[in-house]
C-alpha cells in the first residue's frame, strides 16, 4: 500500500512549505486573530513557529493580505510575543530541517 502523504502548507513569513502539523494556523474571528486553532472556521494562513518568521510576515504585511483584512499592531505584537514565549529564537519546524 502506498505511503500516505502528509498535507503541507506554506509559511507566510519565509514562504517555505512544511507539514501542516508543524505550522501555526491563524484565522480571524469576531474578537480578532485566532491563533493556533486548527479547526477554526474561515480563511486562514500558516506561519512557522519561529519569531523571525513572524517578524518577516509582519514586515511584508503577509498575514493581513492572506486573511484579506487589516491586522492591528496589537494583534501582531500578541502573535510575535506568543511565538517568542513558545519557541526560543532559532527554533525548529517540528523536527524538520531548515532548507535555507
Foldseek 3Di string as FASTA:
>chain_A
DDDDDADWAAALQPRDIDGPVLWWKWAADPVGIDIRDPPDDDFIHTHGLALNSLVRCVVVVRRCVRRVHDHDPVRSVVSSVVSCVVAPHPGDSVPDDDPD
